[in-house]
Amino acid sequence: MLKVYGFSKVNALARGNTRDLRVLWALEEMQMPFELVGMDHPAHDLNSDAYRRLSPFEQIPAIDDDGVVLSESAAILIYLAKKAGQLIPADRAGEAQVVRWCFAAMNTVELPLLTLLLMGFVTKDDEPKKYREFTLRWAQRHLGHLDRWLDGREFIASDAFTVADILMAHALDEIKDESLIEPYRRVADYRERCFARPAWRRTLDRYLARVEAG
C-alpha cells in the first residue's frame, strides 16, 4: 500500500498551503488508494533519523510505495502519474512537455513568489527595500511570460489537466497580494480554473478537517 507522509499538525500560517496538498490533490484526481501517515510538525516528528531516511531535508511530503521512497513534491507527482497512467500523456513527447512545466513551476515561477511570501514574514524595518523591488520585478517578468504562454490554452502543458497544472496552480497560490496577479488576467483565470476542480475542493476540505493548527 502506498504510504503518504503528510501533516497532521502544522503552524497556523502554513496550514492550508503545505506541499503535501499537491500529492493529495493528485491522488484524489487519480482515485488512487493510499495510507496517510500524519506528522506533527510542532512535536518535531520530521526531525528524526527514521524520517530523514525518507526525506533528507526533513520536509513534507514523502512517500513509500512498497519500498520506492521519494521526497520532493514534483518528483512524487511525476512518479505517481507515470505509475497510474493518468495526469501525464502516454507518448514521450507529451510526457516531456509535462516534465518541462513541472520544472518550470518549481524552479522558475515559484522561486520569486515564494521569496516574496517569505519576505512578508519579516517587519518592514528588517526588509531590504531594493531586494524586495528586485524580487517583485522578477516575479512580474515570469508572470508576464506565463500570461503570454496561456493565450489560447486551458492548461499549461497539454490540452488536458496534468500534474504540471497541480504544481503550477499551487505555486501561484503563494501570491497573497492579489494586486500582483491582477495585471495577468490569463494567469489569474488559469489559477481559478485549476482550483475550481472538484478533486481540489474535496482534497482541501478533508485536509482542513484533519490537520490541526499548531
C-alpha atoms as a PDB file:
ATOM      1  CA  MET A   1       0.000   0.000   0.000  1.00  0.00           C
ATOM      2  CA  LEU A   2       1.250   3.464  -0.891  1.00  0.00           C
ATOM      3  CA  LYS A   3       2.113   5.474   2.226  1.00  0.00           C
ATOM      4  CA  VAL A   4       1.956   9.261   2.042  1.00  0.00           C
ATOM      5  CA  TYR A   5       3.637  11.279   4.768  1.00  0.00           C
ATOM      6  CA  GLY A   6       1.714  14.497   5.311  1.00  0.00           C
ATOM      7  CA  PHE A   7       0.966  16.895   8.104  1.00  0.00           C
ATOM      8  CA  SER A   8      -1.378  16.146  10.975  1.00  0.00           C
ATOM      9  CA  LYS A   9      -0.380  19.359  12.740  1.00  0.00           C
ATOM     10  CA  VAL A  10       1.453  22.383  11.359  1.00  0.00           C
ATOM     11  CA  ASN A  11       1.873  26.035  12.260  1.00  0.00           C
ATOM     12  CA  ALA A  12      -1.175  28.179  11.625  1.00  0.00           C
ATOM     13  CA  LEU A  13       0.471  30.328   8.911  1.00  0.00           C
ATOM     14  CA  ALA A  14       1.306  27.290   6.774  1.00  0.00           C
ATOM     15  CA  ARG A  15      -1.936  25.347   7.315  1.00  0.00           C
ATOM     16  CA  GLY A  16      -3.822  25.092   4.027  1.00  0.00           C
ATOM     17  CA  ASN A  17      -0.790  25.796   1.835  1.00  0.00           C
ATOM     18  CA  THR A  18       1.599  22.926   2.589  1.00  0.00           C
ATOM     19  CA  ARG A  19       3.136  20.860  -0.166  1.00  0.00           C
ATOM     20  CA  ASP A  20       1.560  17.562   0.837  1.00  0.00           C
ATOM     21  CA  LEU A  21      -1.609  19.065  -0.648  1.00  0.00           C
ATOM     22  CA  ARG A  22      -0.042  18.665  -4.094  1.00  0.00           C
ATOM     23  CA  VAL A  23       0.300  14.922  -3.635  1.00  0.00           C
ATOM     24  CA  LEU A  24      -3.117  14.541  -2.012  1.00  0.00           C
ATOM     25  CA  TRP A  25      -4.710  16.501  -4.881  1.00  0.00           C
ATOM     26  CA  ALA A  26      -3.078  14.282  -7.497  1.00  0.00           C
ATOM     27  CA  LEU A  27      -4.170  11.125  -5.687  1.00  0.00           C
ATOM     28  CA  GLU A  28      -7.728  12.437  -5.484  1.00  0.00           C
ATOM     29  CA  GLU A  29      -7.729  13.236  -9.211  1.00  0.00           C
ATOM     30  CA  MET A  30      -6.477   9.720  -9.976  1.00  0.00           C
ATOM     31  CA  GLN A  31      -8.608   8.000  -7.313  1.00  0.00           C
ATOM     32  CA  MET A  32      -5.526   6.079  -6.179  1.00  0.00           C
ATOM     33  CA  PRO A  33      -5.743   4.392  -2.743  1.00  0.00           C
ATOM     34  CA  PHE A  34      -3.149   5.274  -0.113  1.00  0.00           C
ATOM     35  CA  GLU A  35      -2.443   5.294   3.598  1.00  0.00           C
ATOM     36  CA  LEU A  36      -1.819   8.699   5.140  1.00  0.00           C
ATOM     37  CA  VAL A  37       0.871   8.893   7.816  1.00  0.00           C
ATOM     38  CA  GLY A  38       0.193  12.058   9.806  1.00  0.00           C
ATOM     39  CA  MET A  39       3.231  14.020  11.001  1.00  0.00           C
ATOM     40  CA  ASP A  40       3.136  16.521  13.866  1.00  0.00           C
ATOM     41  CA  HIS A  41       5.479  19.336  12.880  1.00  0.00           C
ATOM     42  CA  PRO A  42       5.479  21.245  16.210  1.00  0.00           C
ATOM     43  CA  ALA A  43       6.268  17.966  18.012  1.00  0.00           C
ATOM     44  CA  HIS A  44       9.349  17.536  15.737  1.00  0.00           C
ATOM     45  CA  ASP A  45       8.148  14.352  14.023  1.00  0.00           C
ATOM     46  CA  LEU A  46      10.175  15.370  10.961  1.00  0.00           C
ATOM     47  CA  ASN A  47      13.431  15.736  12.897  1.00  0.00           C
ATOM     48  CA  SER A  48      14.193  12.052  13.389  1.00  0.00           C
ATOM     49  CA  ASP A  49      16.687   9.666  11.818  1.00  0.00           C
ATOM     50  CA  ALA A  50      13.788   7.488  10.671  1.00  0.00           C
ATOM     51  CA  TYR A  51      12.118  10.331   8.770  1.00  0.00           C
ATOM     52  CA  ARG A  52      15.406  11.635   7.365  1.00  0.00           C
ATOM     53  CA  ARG A  53      15.800   8.271   5.619  1.00  0.00           C
ATOM     54  CA  LEU A  54      12.603   9.153   3.721  1.00  0.00           C
ATOM     55  CA  SER A  55      13.173  12.885   3.317  1.00  0.00           C
ATOM     56  CA  PRO A  56      16.798  14.029   3.668  1.00  0.00           C
ATOM     57  CA  PHE A  57      15.826  17.686   4.223  1.00  0.00           C
ATOM     58  CA  GLU A  58      13.177  16.830   6.854  1.00  0.00           C
ATOM     59  CA  GLN A  59      10.382  18.101   4.634  1.00  0.00           C
ATOM     60  CA  ILE A  60       6.821  17.075   3.788  1.00  0.00           C
ATOM     61  CA  PRO A  61       5.710  15.340   1.603  1.00  0.00           C
ATOM     62  CA  ALA A  62       7.347  11.956   1.249  1.00  0.00           C
ATOM     63  CA  ILE A  63       6.038   8.619   0.033  1.00  0.00           C
ATOM     64  CA  ASP A  64       6.911   4.964   0.469  1.00  0.00           C
ATOM     65  CA  ASP A  65       5.361   2.912  -2.320  1.00  0.00           C
ATOM     66  CA  ASP A  66       6.206  -0.654  -1.337  1.00  0.00           C
ATOM     67  CA  GLY A  67       9.857   0.263  -0.944  1.00  0.00           C
ATOM     68  CA  VAL A  68      10.054   3.043  -3.543  1.00  0.00           C
ATOM     69  CA  VAL A  69      10.861   6.029  -1.340  1.00  0.00           C
ATOM     70  CA  LEU A  70      10.592   9.585  -2.655  1.00  0.00           C
ATOM     71  CA  SER A  71      10.531  13.105  -1.327  1.00  0.00           C
ATOM     72  CA  GLU A  72      10.123  16.389  -3.270  1.00  0.00           C
ATOM     73  CA  SER A  73       6.566  17.048  -4.420  1.00  0.00           C
ATOM     74  CA  ALA A  74       7.327  17.346  -8.152  1.00  0.00           C
ATOM     75  CA  ALA A  75       9.258  14.066  -8.219  1.00  0.00           C
ATOM     76  CA  ILE A  76       6.425  12.350  -6.363  1.00  0.00           C
ATOM     77  CA  LEU A  77       3.765  13.669  -8.737  1.00  0.00           C
ATOM     78  CA  ILE A  78       5.655  12.588 -11.848  1.00  0.00           C
ATOM     79  CA  TYR A  79       6.261   9.136 -10.352  1.00  0.00           C
ATOM     80  CA  LEU A  80       2.616   8.648  -9.363  1.00  0.00           C
ATOM     81  CA  ALA A  81       1.295   9.916 -12.695  1.00  0.00           C
ATOM     82  CA  LYS A  82       3.525   7.549 -14.661  1.00  0.00           C
ATOM     83  CA  LYS A  83       2.614   4.656 -12.380  1.00  0.00           C
ATOM     84  CA  ALA A  84      -1.122   5.287 -12.737  1.00  0.00           C
ATOM     85  CA  GLY A  85      -1.004   6.277 -16.403  1.00  0.00           C
ATOM     86  CA  GLN A  86      -3.005   9.385 -15.522  1.00  0.00           C
ATOM     87  CA  LEU A  87      -2.391  13.137 -15.454  1.00  0.00           C
ATOM     88  CA  ILE A  88       0.513  12.700 -17.870  1.00  0.00           C
ATOM     89  CA  PRO A  89       0.496  11.839 -21.601  1.00  0.00           C
ATOM     90  CA  ALA A  90       1.482   8.326 -22.610  1.00  0.00           C
ATOM     91  CA  ASP A  91       3.679   9.444 -25.521  1.00  0.00           C
ATOM     92  CA  ARG A  92       7.271  10.511 -24.935  1.00  0.00           C
ATOM     93  CA  ALA A  93       6.870  13.974 -26.435  1.00  0.00           C
ATOM     94  CA  GLY A  94       3.787  14.722 -24.371  1.00  0.00           C
ATOM     95  CA  GLU A  95       5.439  13.423 -21.211  1.00  0.00           C
ATOM     96  CA  ALA A  96       8.460  15.630 -21.876  1.00  0.00           C
ATOM     97  CA  GLN A  97       6.238  18.727 -22.022  1.00  0.00           C
ATOM     98  CA  VAL A  98       4.658  17.879 -18.667  1.00  0.00           C
ATOM     99  CA  VAL A  99       8.076  17.312 -17.097  1.00  0.00           C
ATOM    100  CA  ARG A 100       9.287  20.623 -18.560  1.00  0.00           C
ATOM    101  CA  TRP A 101       6.403  22.522 -16.979  1.00  0.00           C
ATOM    102  CA  CYS A 102       6.803  20.720 -13.665  1.00  0.00           C
ATOM    103  CA  PHE A 103      10.366  22.050 -13.569  1.00  0.00           C
ATOM    104  CA  ALA A 104       9.196  25.496 -14.692  1.00  0.00           C
ATOM    105  CA  ALA A 105       6.628  25.637 -11.902  1.00  0.00           C
ATOM    106  CA  MET A 106       9.154  24.698  -9.238  1.00  0.00           C
ATOM    107  CA  ASN A 107      12.339  26.367 -10.483  1.00  0.00           C
ATOM    108  CA  THR A 108      11.157  29.420 -12.436  1.00  0.00           C
ATOM    109  CA  VAL A 109       7.704  30.570 -11.333  1.00  0.00           C
ATOM    110  CA  GLU A 110       7.669  29.540  -7.674  1.00  0.00           C
ATOM    111  CA  LEU A 111      11.069  30.911  -6.687  1.00  0.00           C
ATOM    112  CA  PRO A 112      10.316  34.668  -6.769  1.00  0.00           C
ATOM    113  CA  LEU A 113       6.762  34.116  -5.488  1.00  0.00           C
ATOM    114  CA  LEU A 114       7.993  32.097  -2.533  1.00  0.00           C
ATOM    115  CA  THR A 115      10.690  34.685  -1.849  1.00  0.00           C
ATOM    116  CA  LEU A 116       8.078  37.452  -1.707  1.00  0.00           C
ATOM    117  CA  LEU A 117       5.922  35.322   0.578  1.00  0.00           C
ATOM    118  CA  LEU A 118       8.792  34.723   2.962  1.00  0.00           C
ATOM    119  CA  MET A 119       9.751  38.387   2.923  1.00  0.00           C
ATOM    120  CA  GLY A 120       6.228  39.135   4.094  1.00  0.00           C
ATOM    121  CA  PHE A 121       7.014  37.349   7.352  1.00  0.00           C
ATOM    122  CA  VAL A 122       9.566  39.982   8.391  1.00  0.00           C
ATOM    123  CA  THR A 123       8.891  43.519   9.560  1.00  0.00           C
ATOM    124  CA  LYS A 124       9.266  46.448   7.182  1.00  0.00           C
ATOM    125  CA  ASP A 125      12.279  47.674   9.137  1.00  0.00           C
ATOM    126  CA  ASP A 126      14.053  44.361   8.588  1.00  0.00           C
ATOM    127  CA  GLU A 127      13.074  44.100   4.921  1.00  0.00           C
ATOM    128  CA  PRO A 128      15.707  45.259   2.388  1.00  0.00           C
ATOM    129  CA  LYS A 129      13.746  47.570   0.076  1.00  0.00           C
ATOM    130  CA  LYS A 130      15.933  47.160  -3.007  1.00  0.00           C
ATOM    131  CA  TYR A 131      15.891  43.366  -2.702  1.00  0.00           C
ATOM    132  CA  ARG A 132      12.096  43.354  -2.475  1.00  0.00           C
ATOM    133  CA  GLU A 133      11.785  45.619  -5.517  1.00  0.00           C
ATOM    134  CA  PHE A 134      14.135  43.363  -7.487  1.00  0.00           C
ATOM    135  CA  THR A 135      12.195  40.247  -6.448  1.00  0.00           C
ATOM    136  CA  LEU A 136       8.899  41.882  -7.353  1.00  0.00           C
ATOM    137  CA  ARG A 137      10.164  42.720 -10.868  1.00  0.00           C
ATOM    138  CA  TRP A 138      11.485  39.157 -11.145  1.00  0.00           C
ATOM    139  CA  ALA A 139       8.039  37.753 -10.296  1.00  0.00           C
ATOM    140  CA  GLN A 140       6.304  40.165 -12.672  1.00  0.00           C
ATOM    141  CA  ARG A 141       8.607  39.176 -15.511  1.00  0.00           C
ATOM    142  CA  HIS A 142       7.815  35.485 -15.088  1.00  0.00           C
ATOM    143  CA  LEU A 143       4.077  36.122 -14.686  1.00  0.00           C
ATOM    144  CA  GLY A 144       4.141  38.138 -17.904  1.00  0.00           C
ATOM    145  CA  HIS A 145       5.802  35.313 -19.807  1.00  0.00           C
ATOM    146  CA  LEU A 146       3.335  32.831 -18.304  1.00  0.00           C
ATOM    147  CA  ASP A 147       0.400  35.049 -19.285  1.00  0.00           C
ATOM    148  CA  ARG A 148       1.569  35.066 -22.906  1.00  0.00           C
ATOM    149  CA  TRP A 149       2.012  31.287 -22.880  1.00  0.00           C
ATOM    150  CA  LEU A 150      -1.546  30.793 -21.642  1.00  0.00           C
ATOM    151  CA  ASP A 151      -3.045  32.723 -24.544  1.00  0.00           C
ATOM    152  CA  GLY A 152      -5.425  30.207 -26.150  1.00  0.00           C
ATOM    153  CA  ARG A 153      -4.507  27.466 -23.678  1.00  0.00           C
ATOM    154  CA  GLU A 154      -6.707  25.972 -20.975  1.00  0.00           C
ATOM    155  CA  PHE A 155      -3.901  24.079 -19.271  1.00  0.00           C
ATOM    156  CA  ILE A 156      -0.168  24.581 -19.055  1.00  0.00           C
ATOM    157  CA  ALA A 157       1.455  21.572 -20.725  1.00  0.00           C
ATOM    158  CA  SER A 158      -1.199  19.851 -22.843  1.00  0.00           C
ATOM    159  CA  ASP A 159      -4.867  20.025 -23.803  1.00  0.00           C
ATOM    160  CA  ALA A 160      -5.710  18.019 -20.670  1.00  0.00           C
ATOM    161  CA  PHE A 161      -5.142  18.717 -16.973  1.00  0.00           C
ATOM    162  CA  THR A 162      -1.855  17.172 -15.771  1.00  0.00           C
ATOM    163  CA  VAL A 163       0.402  17.067 -12.730  1.00  0.00           C
ATOM    164  CA  ALA A 164       2.151  20.148 -14.142  1.00  0.00           C
ATOM    165  CA  ASP A 165      -1.075  22.084 -13.541  1.00  0.00           C
ATOM    166  CA  ILE A 166      -1.201  20.924  -9.921  1.00  0.00           C
ATOM    167  CA  LEU A 167       2.326  22.196  -9.337  1.00  0.00           C
ATOM    168  CA  MET A 168       1.831  25.440 -11.240  1.00  0.00           C
ATOM    169  CA  ALA A 169      -1.512  26.285  -9.631  1.00  0.00           C
ATOM    170  CA  HIS A 170      -0.165  25.564  -6.166  1.00  0.00           C
ATOM    171  CA  ALA A 171       2.893  27.731  -6.830  1.00  0.00           C
ATOM    172  CA  LEU A 172       0.613  30.566  -7.982  1.00  0.00           C
ATOM    173  CA  ASP A 173      -1.381  30.179  -4.778  1.00  0.00           C
ATOM    174  CA  GLU A 174       1.637  31.591  -2.959  1.00  0.00           C
ATOM    175  CA  ILE A 175       0.570  35.002  -4.286  1.00  0.00           C
ATOM    176  CA  LYS A 176      -1.161  36.586  -1.298  1.00  0.00           C
ATOM    177  CA  ASP A 177      -1.209  40.140  -2.665  1.00  0.00           C
ATOM    178  CA  GLU A 178      -3.813  39.969  -5.428  1.00  0.00           C
ATOM    179  CA  SER A 179      -2.528  43.192  -6.977  1.00  0.00           C
ATOM    180  CA  LEU A 180       0.470  41.171  -8.191  1.00  0.00           C
ATOM    181  CA  ILE A 181      -1.614  38.811 -10.317  1.00  0.00           C
ATOM    182  CA  GLU A 182      -4.383  41.213 -11.414  1.00  0.00           C
ATOM    183  CA  PRO A 183      -2.497  42.540 -14.499  1.00  0.00           C
ATOM    184  CA  TYR A 184      -2.100  38.958 -15.744  1.00  0.00           C
ATOM    185  CA  ARG A 185      -5.701  38.027 -16.429  1.00  0.00           C
ATOM    186  CA  ARG A 186      -4.948  34.745 -18.185  1.00  0.00           C
ATOM    187  CA  VAL A 187      -2.783  33.603 -15.264  1.00  0.00           C
ATOM    188  CA  ALA A 188      -5.467  34.569 -12.749  1.00  0.00           C
ATOM    189  CA  ASP A 189      -8.161  32.758 -14.753  1.00  0.00           C
ATOM    190  CA  TYR A 190      -5.923  29.708 -15.097  1.00  0.00           C
ATOM    191  CA  ARG A 191      -5.316  29.566 -11.355  1.00  0.00           C
ATOM    192  CA  GLU A 192      -9.035  29.908 -10.678  1.00  0.00           C
ATOM    193  CA  ARG A 193      -9.830  27.212 -13.245  1.00  0.00           C
ATOM    194  CA  CYS A 194      -7.467  24.738 -11.606  1.00  0.00           C
ATOM    195  CA  PHE A 195      -8.724  25.401  -8.094  1.00  0.00           C
ATOM    196  CA  ALA A 196     -12.340  25.075  -9.229  1.00  0.00           C
ATOM    197  CA  ARG A 197     -11.785  21.377  -9.885  1.00  0.00           C
ATOM    198  CA  PRO A 198     -13.912  19.164  -7.603  1.00  0.00           C
ATOM    199  CA  ALA A 199     -10.908  16.994  -6.712  1.00  0.00           C
ATOM    200  CA  TRP A 200      -9.105  20.035  -5.299  1.00  0.00           C
ATOM    201  CA  ARG A 201     -12.115  21.138  -3.274  1.00  0.00           C
ATOM    202  CA  ARG A 202     -12.506  17.651  -1.783  1.00  0.00           C
ATOM    203  CA  THR A 203      -8.781  17.474  -1.036  1.00  0.00           C
ATOM    204  CA  LEU A 204      -8.671  20.835   0.718  1.00  0.00           C
ATOM    205  CA  ASP A 205     -11.844  20.200   2.724  1.00  0.00           C
ATOM    206  CA  ARG A 206     -10.516  16.889   4.038  1.00  0.00           C
ATOM    207  CA  TYR A 207      -7.137  18.437   4.812  1.00  0.00           C
ATOM    208  CA  LEU A 208      -8.659  21.314   6.804  1.00  0.00           C
ATOM    209  CA  ALA A 209     -10.890  18.904   8.722  1.00  0.00           C
ATOM    210  CA  ARG A 210      -7.895  16.746   9.641  1.00  0.00           C
ATOM    211  CA  VAL A 211      -4.840  18.988  10.012  1.00  0.00           C
ATOM    212  CA  GLU A 212      -4.583  20.957  13.251  1.00  0.00           C
ATOM    213  CA  ALA A 213      -3.019  24.384  13.580  1.00  0.00           C
ATOM    214  CA  GLY A 214      -0.010  24.163  15.890  1.00  0.00           C
END
